[in-house]
Structure formats: C-alpha cells, structure tokens
Amino acid sequence: EVQLVESGGGLVQAGGSLRLSCAASGFSFDGFVLGWFRQAPGKEREGVSCISSSDGSTYYADSVKGRFTISRDNAKNTVYLQMNSLKPEDTSVYYCASYSGYGSSFYCENLYWRGFGSWGQGTQVTVSS
C-alpha cells in the first residue's frame, strides 16, 4: 500500500522555524517528483515547493522563497521542508505529495497540485503573531 505520512507540524511564534518531514512506504521515491502544498480554511490548496526526481531542481512559491527549503533523501524515502522566518500567513495544513507519471516535470515546476497522484494526510502548522 502506497502511503505518505507527514510530521513536524505544530505551533510556533512568528519568526520561528519548523521542519516538516514526509516519509513514504509501499514504494520507492526514486523517479518521483515530491511536493509540499498547503491549504488554509476556506482557501484553495496552493503549491509551496517541489523537488525534481532527476537533478534535484527545486521550485518555490514566491511567498516562501528565501524562507523555506525543500530537500529529499531517497535512501530514507523522506522529503523535508525546512521553514524559517515563519509568518502568521503561513498558518495552514501542509501536505506532501508525489507523482512520477507524464507531465511530472511540468507539475513540479509549476507547483500544480492537481497533477499529483499520492497524498499524505496533512500536518497542521500554526504561526502566532
């Protein structure tokens, strides 16, 4: 069974940091693009960051550039999102997702969440002001 499990969310003050992890089971990360997405109450899901399967290229939403860093460890089947200088507007449920099919490079580069096939259950991040 393919499964993605996020962890590392929590409550943090503005300016603080969190590191999210997403561990996969039931399949190997090799060949998959891996993304982080978020959804706040009443808002549409949005792309945060993605890392390619081939050369490790990374992509970020403008709102998190310079503050968030995505990385992957294929040996551990885990993808990470280091979040620094957190702001109240970063408050959301964060999801990791994976995909390896047609269009994966495009979906990753454009943070197109509808193209991703497998999703975790999400982890809540709350940033207080």
Foldseek 3Di string as FASTA:
>chain_A
DWAKAKDWADEEAAQAKIKMKIAIPPDFCAQKKKFKWWDAPPGDIFGAKIFGRPPRDIEGDPVQPPFWDWDDDRVRRMIMIIGGRDDQVVWTWMKMFIDRDPPRVVCRNRVPVVVTDDIHPTDTHGYHD
